Amino acid sequence: MNTHNDALSSYSKNEERLNAITHALGAMASLIATLFLLSHIPPSEELTLMSIAVYGASLVTLFTASTLYHSIFIARARRWLKVFDHCAIYLLIAGTYTPFLLIGLGTPLAMGLIWVIWFVALIGVLFKLRFVGRYKRFSVALYLLMGWLSLIAIYQMWLLLPLASLVLLAAGGVTYTLGVGFYLAKTLPYHHAIWHVFVLGGATCHFIAVAYLL
């Protein structure tokens, strides 16, 4: 049976409700957790404060964008909210790298890599704005490429990151990657909500990994 929002969404009403709820919870949890971390960082540690603020902002932005996209069914607004949602993924990937590279490593290689990551994120955002709703598989490939660029600094990460951070960083990356399979499984009922759960799992792993850096 068709739902009232079929013209605007490929998901059923119940699917969209669950899609929105999963990431609304993520947005609230991210905001609270980020403020908690920031409150425990001395004001003199400006680089640490900036890194955590950027990371936290990218998390809140992603979950908020996703929640709005899956909650609003005004055609014009929904079109651009979808773009915002997808752009936020690039920002989250770059934002997640920021504390690991600046706080955890801080080496010349890490400083160079942070520029590369944010440059690729900018290219991804511009690509999404230019080719709205097109080349979806290319976008997914670019997300994964950005996510696994960390392998460039894997040796330094092994030497310099706390073991707990390293394990959780890898676990988060694997969780995100496994979730992509559900994201692409368009014929599976509730596949997008399942993808959202994997995103929550990956984000949780990475947030705890960041906390171990402090």
C-alpha atoms as a PDB file:
ATOM      1  CA  MET A   1       0.000   0.000   0.000  1.00  0.00           C
ATOM      2  CA  ASN A   2       1.372   3.429  -0.900  1.00  0.00           C
ATOM      3  CA  THR A   3       2.036   5.997   1.776  1.00  0.00           C
ATOM      4  CA  HIS A   4       1.345   9.721   1.636  1.00  0.00           C
ATOM      5  CA  ASN A   5       5.002  10.528   1.038  1.00  0.00           C
ATOM      6  CA  ASP A   6       5.688   8.057  -1.778  1.00  0.00           C
ATOM      7  CA  ALA A   7       6.098  10.890  -4.289  1.00  0.00           C
ATOM      8  CA  LEU A   8       8.901  12.345  -2.211  1.00  0.00           C
ATOM      9  CA  SER A   9      10.511   9.292  -0.635  1.00  0.00           C
ATOM     10  CA  SER A  10      11.373   5.779  -1.724  1.00  0.00           C
ATOM     11  CA  TYR A  11      10.797   4.602   1.857  1.00  0.00           C
ATOM     12  CA  SER A  12       7.523   3.777   3.577  1.00  0.00           C
ATOM     13  CA  LYS A  13       6.136   6.024   6.295  1.00  0.00           C
ATOM     14  CA  ASN A  14       7.340   3.650   9.010  1.00  0.00           C
ATOM     15  CA  GLU A  15      10.770   3.359   7.417  1.00  0.00           C
ATOM     16  CA  GLU A  16      11.181   7.129   7.264  1.00  0.00           C
ATOM     17  CA  ARG A  17      10.056   7.445  10.867  1.00  0.00           C
ATOM     18  CA  LEU A  18      12.735   4.984  11.957  1.00  0.00           C
ATOM     19  CA  ASN A  19      15.310   6.636   9.697  1.00  0.00           C
ATOM     20  CA  ALA A  20      14.637   9.951  11.434  1.00  0.00           C
ATOM     21  CA  ILE A  21      14.530   8.574  14.978  1.00  0.00           C
ATOM     22  CA  THR A  22      17.840   6.727  14.713  1.00  0.00           C
ATOM     23  CA  HIS A  23      19.773   9.819  13.739  1.00  0.00           C
ATOM     24  CA  ALA A  24      17.826  12.199  15.981  1.00  0.00           C
ATOM     25  CA  LEU A  25      19.148  10.112  18.856  1.00  0.00           C
ATOM     26  CA  GLY A  26      22.603  10.395  17.327  1.00  0.00           C
ATOM     27  CA  ALA A  27      22.348  14.187  17.099  1.00  0.00           C
ATOM     28  CA  MET A  28      21.342  14.563  20.740  1.00  0.00           C
ATOM     29  CA  ALA A  29      23.949  12.106  21.996  1.00  0.00           C
ATOM     30  CA  SER A  30      26.677  13.756  19.910  1.00  0.00           C
ATOM     31  CA  LEU A  31      25.886  17.222  21.226  1.00  0.00           C
ATOM     32  CA  ILE A  32      25.845  16.099  24.857  1.00  0.00           C
ATOM     33  CA  ALA A  33      29.010  14.004  24.506  1.00  0.00           C
ATOM     34  CA  THR A  34      30.901  16.772  22.700  1.00  0.00           C
ATOM     35  CA  LEU A  35      30.009  19.362  25.326  1.00  0.00           C
ATOM     36  CA  PHE A  36      31.104  16.896  28.004  1.00  0.00           C
ATOM     37  CA  LEU A  37      34.515  16.434  26.381  1.00  0.00           C
ATOM     38  CA  LEU A  38      34.998  20.168  25.809  1.00  0.00           C
ATOM     39  CA  SER A  39      34.187  20.903  29.457  1.00  0.00           C
ATOM     40  CA  HIS A  40      37.091  18.680  30.535  1.00  0.00           C
ATOM     41  CA  ILE A  41      39.744  20.297  28.310  1.00  0.00           C
ATOM     42  CA  PRO A  42      41.794  23.154  29.848  1.00  0.00           C
ATOM     43  CA  PRO A  43      41.307  26.500  28.020  1.00  0.00           C
ATOM     44  CA  SER A  44      45.071  26.684  27.444  1.00  0.00           C
ATOM     45  CA  GLU A  45      44.962  23.612  25.163  1.00  0.00           C
ATOM     46  CA  GLU A  46      43.684  25.533  22.166  1.00  0.00           C
ATOM     47  CA  LEU A  47      44.576  22.953  19.501  1.00  0.00           C
ATOM     48  CA  THR A  48      42.812  20.221  21.446  1.00  0.00           C
ATOM     49  CA  LEU A  49      39.741  22.386  21.979  1.00  0.00           C
ATOM     50  CA  MET A  50      39.621  23.282  18.292  1.00  0.00           C
ATOM     51  CA  SER A  51      40.051  19.681  17.176  1.00  0.00           C
ATOM     52  CA  ILE A  52      37.302  18.379  19.445  1.00  0.00           C
ATOM     53  CA  ALA A  53      34.996  21.262  18.520  1.00  0.00           C
ATOM     54  CA  VAL A  54      35.460  20.574  14.797  1.00  0.00           C
ATOM     55  CA  TYR A  55      34.914  16.858  15.311  1.00  0.00           C
ATOM     56  CA  GLY A  56      31.850  17.360  17.493  1.00  0.00           C
ATOM     57  CA  ALA A  57      30.362  19.915  15.109  1.00  0.00           C
ATOM     58  CA  SER A  58      30.778  17.513  12.195  1.00  0.00           C
ATOM     59  CA  LEU A  59      28.996  14.769  14.143  1.00  0.00           C
ATOM     60  CA  VAL A  60      26.082  16.980  15.157  1.00  0.00           C
ATOM     61  CA  THR A  61      25.838  18.383  11.622  1.00  0.00           C
ATOM     62  CA  LEU A  62      25.651  14.937  10.054  1.00  0.00           C
ATOM     63  CA  PHE A  63      23.017  13.545  12.395  1.00  0.00           C
ATOM     64  CA  THR A  64      20.954  16.749  12.276  1.00  0.00           C
ATOM     65  CA  ALA A  65      21.045  16.887   8.469  1.00  0.00           C
ATOM     66  CA  SER A  66      20.000  13.254   8.238  1.00  0.00           C
ATOM     67  CA  THR A  67      17.188  13.706  10.747  1.00  0.00           C
ATOM     68  CA  LEU A  68      15.795  16.729   8.915  1.00  0.00           C
ATOM     69  CA  TYR A  69      15.989  15.002   5.548  1.00  0.00           C
ATOM     70  CA  HIS A  70      14.036  11.999   6.792  1.00  0.00           C
ATOM     71  CA  SER A  71      11.482  14.163   8.629  1.00  0.00           C
ATOM     72  CA  ILE A  72      10.489  16.841   6.112  1.00  0.00           C
ATOM     73  CA  PHE A  73       8.380  16.145   3.019  1.00  0.00           C
ATOM     74  CA  ILE A  74       8.270  19.498   1.246  1.00  0.00           C
ATOM     75  CA  ALA A  75       9.642  18.752  -2.210  1.00  0.00           C
ATOM     76  CA  ARG A  76      12.015  21.695  -2.650  1.00  0.00           C
ATOM     77  CA  ALA A  77      13.270  21.568   0.931  1.00  0.00           C
ATOM     78  CA  ARG A  78      13.724  17.814   0.782  1.00  0.00           C
ATOM     79  CA  ARG A  79      15.811  18.036  -2.382  1.00  0.00           C
ATOM     80  CA  TRP A  80      18.328  20.342  -0.749  1.00  0.00           C
ATOM     81  CA  LEU A  81      18.215  18.588   2.605  1.00  0.00           C
ATOM     82  CA  LYS A  82      19.315  15.441   0.792  1.00  0.00           C
ATOM     83  CA  VAL A  83      22.272  17.347  -0.645  1.00  0.00           C
ATOM     84  CA  PHE A  84      23.050  18.735   2.824  1.00  0.00           C
ATOM     85  CA  ASP A  85      22.803  15.222   4.263  1.00  0.00           C
ATOM     86  CA  HIS A  86      25.285  13.810   1.752  1.00  0.00           C
ATOM     87  CA  CYS A  87      27.658  16.770   2.041  1.00  0.00           C
ATOM     88  CA  ALA A  88      27.689  16.274   5.805  1.00  0.00           C
ATOM     89  CA  ILE A  89      29.178  12.808   5.308  1.00  0.00           C
ATOM     90  CA  TYR A  90      32.302  14.342   3.771  1.00  0.00           C
ATOM     91  CA  LEU A  91      32.486  16.813   6.648  1.00  0.00           C
ATOM     92  CA  LEU A  92      32.139  14.032   9.225  1.00  0.00           C
ATOM     93  CA  ILE A  93      34.932  11.979   7.688  1.00  0.00           C
ATOM     94  CA  ALA A  94      37.265  14.987   7.649  1.00  0.00           C
ATOM     95  CA  GLY A  95      36.087  16.047  11.099  1.00  0.00           C
ATOM     96  CA  THR A  96      36.807  12.587  12.482  1.00  0.00           C
ATOM     97  CA  TYR A  97      40.348  12.666  11.130  1.00  0.00           C
ATOM     98  CA  THR A  98      41.042  16.036  12.766  1.00  0.00           C
ATOM     99  CA  PRO A  99      41.613  15.001  16.418  1.00  0.00           C
ATOM    100  CA  PHE A 100      43.511  11.841  15.475  1.00  0.00           C
ATOM    101  CA  LEU A 101      45.919  13.690  13.208  1.00  0.00           C
ATOM    102  CA  LEU A 102      46.321  16.899  15.232  1.00  0.00           C
ATOM    103  CA  ILE A 103      46.116  15.547  18.790  1.00  0.00           C
ATOM    104  CA  GLY A 104      47.076  11.904  18.427  1.00  0.00           C
ATOM    105  CA  LEU A 105      49.907  12.267  15.924  1.00  0.00           C
ATOM    106  CA  GLY A 106      50.927  15.870  15.309  1.00  0.00           C
ATOM    107  CA  THR A 107      53.714  14.790  12.938  1.00  0.00           C
ATOM    108  CA  PRO A 108      54.616  16.426   9.588  1.00  0.00           C
ATOM    109  CA  LEU A 109      52.921  13.520   7.792  1.00  0.00           C
ATOM    110  CA  ALA A 110      49.767  14.032   9.843  1.00  0.00           C
ATOM    111  CA  MET A 111      49.792  17.768   9.157  1.00  0.00           C
ATOM    112  CA  GLY A 112      50.061  17.103   5.436  1.00  0.00           C
ATOM    113  CA  LEU A 113      47.352  14.461   5.532  1.00  0.00           C
ATOM    114  CA  ILE A 114      44.897  16.771   7.296  1.00  0.00           C
ATOM    115  CA  TRP A 115      45.167  19.208   4.400  1.00  0.00           C
ATOM    116  CA  VAL A 116      44.602  16.403   1.887  1.00  0.00           C
ATOM    117  CA  ILE A 117      41.581  15.088   3.776  1.00  0.00           C
ATOM    118  CA  TRP A 118      39.880  18.468   4.055  1.00  0.00           C
ATOM    119  CA  PHE A 119      40.673  19.237   0.412  1.00  0.00           C
ATOM    120  CA  VAL A 120      39.032  15.978  -0.693  1.00  0.00           C
ATOM    121  CA  ALA A 121      36.072  16.769   1.587  1.00  0.00           C
ATOM    122  CA  LEU A 122      35.707  20.153  -0.118  1.00  0.00           C
ATOM    123  CA  ILE A 123      35.851  18.503  -3.541  1.00  0.00           C
ATOM    124  CA  GLY A 124      33.194  16.032  -2.397  1.00  0.00           C
ATOM    125  CA  VAL A 125      30.898  18.811  -1.181  1.00  0.00           C
ATOM    126  CA  LEU A 126      31.305  20.763  -4.429  1.00  0.00           C
ATOM    127  CA  PHE A 127      30.676  17.567  -6.406  1.00  0.00           C
ATOM    128  CA  LYS A 128      27.431  16.964  -4.523  1.00  0.00           C
ATOM    129  CA  LEU A 129      26.311  20.543  -5.093  1.00  0.00           C
ATOM    130  CA  ARG A 130      27.128  20.357  -8.797  1.00  0.00           C
ATOM    131  CA  PHE A 131      25.730  16.895  -9.548  1.00  0.00           C
ATOM    132  CA  VAL A 132      22.652  16.752  -7.352  1.00  0.00           C
ATOM    133  CA  GLY A 133      21.281  13.214  -7.156  1.00  0.00           C
ATOM    134  CA  ARG A 134      23.755  11.785  -9.694  1.00  0.00           C
ATOM    135  CA  TYR A 135      26.763   9.432  -9.587  1.00  0.00           C
ATOM    136  CA  LYS A 136      25.763   7.879  -6.261  1.00  0.00           C
ATOM    137  CA  ARG A 137      28.193   4.973  -6.466  1.00  0.00           C
ATOM    138  CA  PHE A 138      31.044   7.376  -7.142  1.00  0.00           C
ATOM    139  CA  SER A 139      30.097   9.265  -3.994  1.00  0.00           C
ATOM    140  CA  VAL A 140      30.099   6.065  -1.940  1.00  0.00           C
ATOM    141  CA  ALA A 141      33.510   5.157  -3.376  1.00  0.00           C
ATOM    142  CA  LEU A 142      34.835   8.600  -2.431  1.00  0.00           C
ATOM    143  CA  TYR A 143      33.464   8.232   1.109  1.00  0.00           C
ATOM    144  CA  LEU A 144      35.292   4.916   1.484  1.00  0.00           C
ATOM    145  CA  LEU A 145      38.479   6.285  -0.075  1.00  0.00           C
ATOM    146  CA  MET A 146      38.520   9.168   2.388  1.00  0.00           C
ATOM    147  CA  GLY A 147      37.801   6.841   5.269  1.00  0.00           C
ATOM    148  CA  TRP A 148      40.695   4.534   4.489  1.00  0.00           C
ATOM    149  CA  LEU A 149      43.272   7.218   3.609  1.00  0.00           C
ATOM    150  CA  SER A 150      44.349   6.779   7.215  1.00  0.00           C
ATOM    151  CA  LEU A 151      46.363   3.771   6.034  1.00  0.00           C
ATOM    152  CA  ILE A 152      48.936   6.289   4.754  1.00  0.00           C
ATOM    153  CA  ALA A 153      49.795   7.052   8.369  1.00  0.00           C
ATOM    154  CA  ILE A 154      49.172   3.569   9.766  1.00  0.00           C
ATOM    155  CA  TYR A 155      52.746   3.078  10.980  1.00  0.00           C
ATOM    156  CA  GLN A 156      52.778   6.368  12.879  1.00  0.00           C
ATOM    157  CA  MET A 157      49.344   5.607  14.273  1.00  0.00           C
ATOM    158  CA  TRP A 158      50.596   2.248  15.511  1.00  0.00           C
ATOM    159  CA  LEU A 159      53.525   3.938  17.252  1.00  0.00           C
ATOM    160  CA  LEU A 160      51.818   7.032  18.657  1.00  0.00           C
ATOM    161  CA  LEU A 161      48.138   6.364  19.291  1.00  0.00           C
ATOM    162  CA  PRO A 162      46.927   4.702  22.493  1.00  0.00           C
ATOM    163  CA  LEU A 163      46.122   1.056  21.810  1.00  0.00           C
ATOM    164  CA  ALA A 164      42.479   1.568  22.781  1.00  0.00           C
ATOM    165  CA  SER A 165      42.159   4.445  20.299  1.00  0.00           C
ATOM    166  CA  LEU A 166      43.790   2.405  17.555  1.00  0.00           C
ATOM    167  CA  VAL A 167      41.511  -0.593  18.088  1.00  0.00           C
ATOM    168  CA  LEU A 168      38.374   1.546  18.272  1.00  0.00           C
ATOM    169  CA  LEU A 169      39.415   3.559  15.224  1.00  0.00           C
ATOM    170  CA  ALA A 170      39.758   0.368  13.193  1.00  0.00           C
ATOM    171  CA  ALA A 171      36.513  -1.039  14.611  1.00  0.00           C
ATOM    172  CA  GLY A 172      34.663   2.116  13.635  1.00  0.00           C
ATOM    173  CA  GLY A 173      36.057   2.011  10.112  1.00  0.00           C
ATOM    174  CA  VAL A 174      35.039  -1.612   9.694  1.00  0.00           C
ATOM    175  CA  THR A 175      31.564  -0.857  11.076  1.00  0.00           C
ATOM    176  CA  TYR A 176      31.014   1.981   8.615  1.00  0.00           C
ATOM    177  CA  THR A 177      32.299  -0.159   5.747  1.00  0.00           C
ATOM    178  CA  LEU A 178      30.026  -3.095   6.602  1.00  0.00           C
ATOM    179  CA  GLY A 179      27.094  -0.723   6.808  1.00  0.00           C
ATOM    180  CA  VAL A 180      27.609   0.410   3.224  1.00  0.00           C
ATOM    181  CA  GLY A 181      26.339  -2.987   2.081  1.00  0.00           C
ATOM    182  CA  PHE A 182      22.981  -2.259   3.703  1.00  0.00           C
ATOM    183  CA  TYR A 183      22.972   1.298   2.342  1.00  0.00           C
ATOM    184  CA  LEU A 184      23.215  -0.129  -1.174  1.00  0.00           C
ATOM    185  CA  ALA A 185      20.699  -2.973  -0.572  1.00  0.00           C
ATOM    186  CA  LYS A 186      17.749  -0.959  -1.865  1.00  0.00           C
ATOM    187  CA  THR A 187      15.343  -3.911  -2.011  1.00  0.00           C
ATOM    188  CA  LEU A 188      15.817  -4.850   1.656  1.00  0.00           C
ATOM    189  CA  PRO A 189      13.060  -3.453   3.913  1.00  0.00           C
ATOM    190  CA  TYR A 190      14.398  -0.954   6.448  1.00  0.00           C
ATOM    191  CA  HIS A 191      17.823  -1.153   4.804  1.00  0.00           C
ATOM    192  CA  HIS A 192      18.429   2.562   5.375  1.00  0.00           C
ATOM    193  CA  ALA A 193      17.564   2.393   9.071  1.00  0.00           C
ATOM    194  CA  ILE A 194      19.976  -0.536   9.380  1.00  0.00           C
ATOM    195  CA  TRP A 195      22.615   1.604   7.676  1.00  0.00           C
ATOM    196  CA  HIS A 196      21.877   4.322  10.228  1.00  0.00           C
ATOM    197  CA  VAL A 197      22.487   1.856  13.063  1.00  0.00           C
ATOM    198  CA  PHE A 198      25.876   1.000  11.569  1.00  0.00           C
ATOM    199  CA  VAL A 199      26.641   4.727  11.341  1.00  0.00           C
ATOM    200  CA  LEU A 200      25.748   5.117  15.011  1.00  0.00           C
ATOM    201  CA  GLY A 201      27.989   2.166  15.857  1.00  0.00           C
ATOM    202  CA  GLY A 202      30.912   3.499  13.850  1.00  0.00           C
ATOM    203  CA  ALA A 203      30.504   6.990  15.270  1.00  0.00           C
ATOM    204  CA  THR A 204      30.377   5.619  18.817  1.00  0.00           C
ATOM    205  CA  CYS A 205      33.595   3.656  18.298  1.00  0.00           C
ATOM    206  CA  HIS A 206      35.342   6.723  16.930  1.00  0.00           C
ATOM    207  CA  PHE A 207      34.047   9.034  19.654  1.00  0.00           C
ATOM    208  CA  ILE A 208      35.367   6.767  22.390  1.00  0.00           C
ATOM    209  CA  ALA A 209      38.640   6.465  20.473  1.00  0.00           C
ATOM    210  CA  VAL A 210      38.913  10.270  20.457  1.00  0.00           C
ATOM    211  CA  ALA A 211      38.179  10.395  24.186  1.00  0.00           C
ATOM    212  CA  TYR A 212      41.161   8.097  24.789  1.00  0.00           C
ATOM    213  CA  LEU A 213      43.395  10.697  23.119  1.00  0.00           C
ATOM    214  CA  LEU A 214      42.687  13.246  25.857  1.00  0.00           C
END
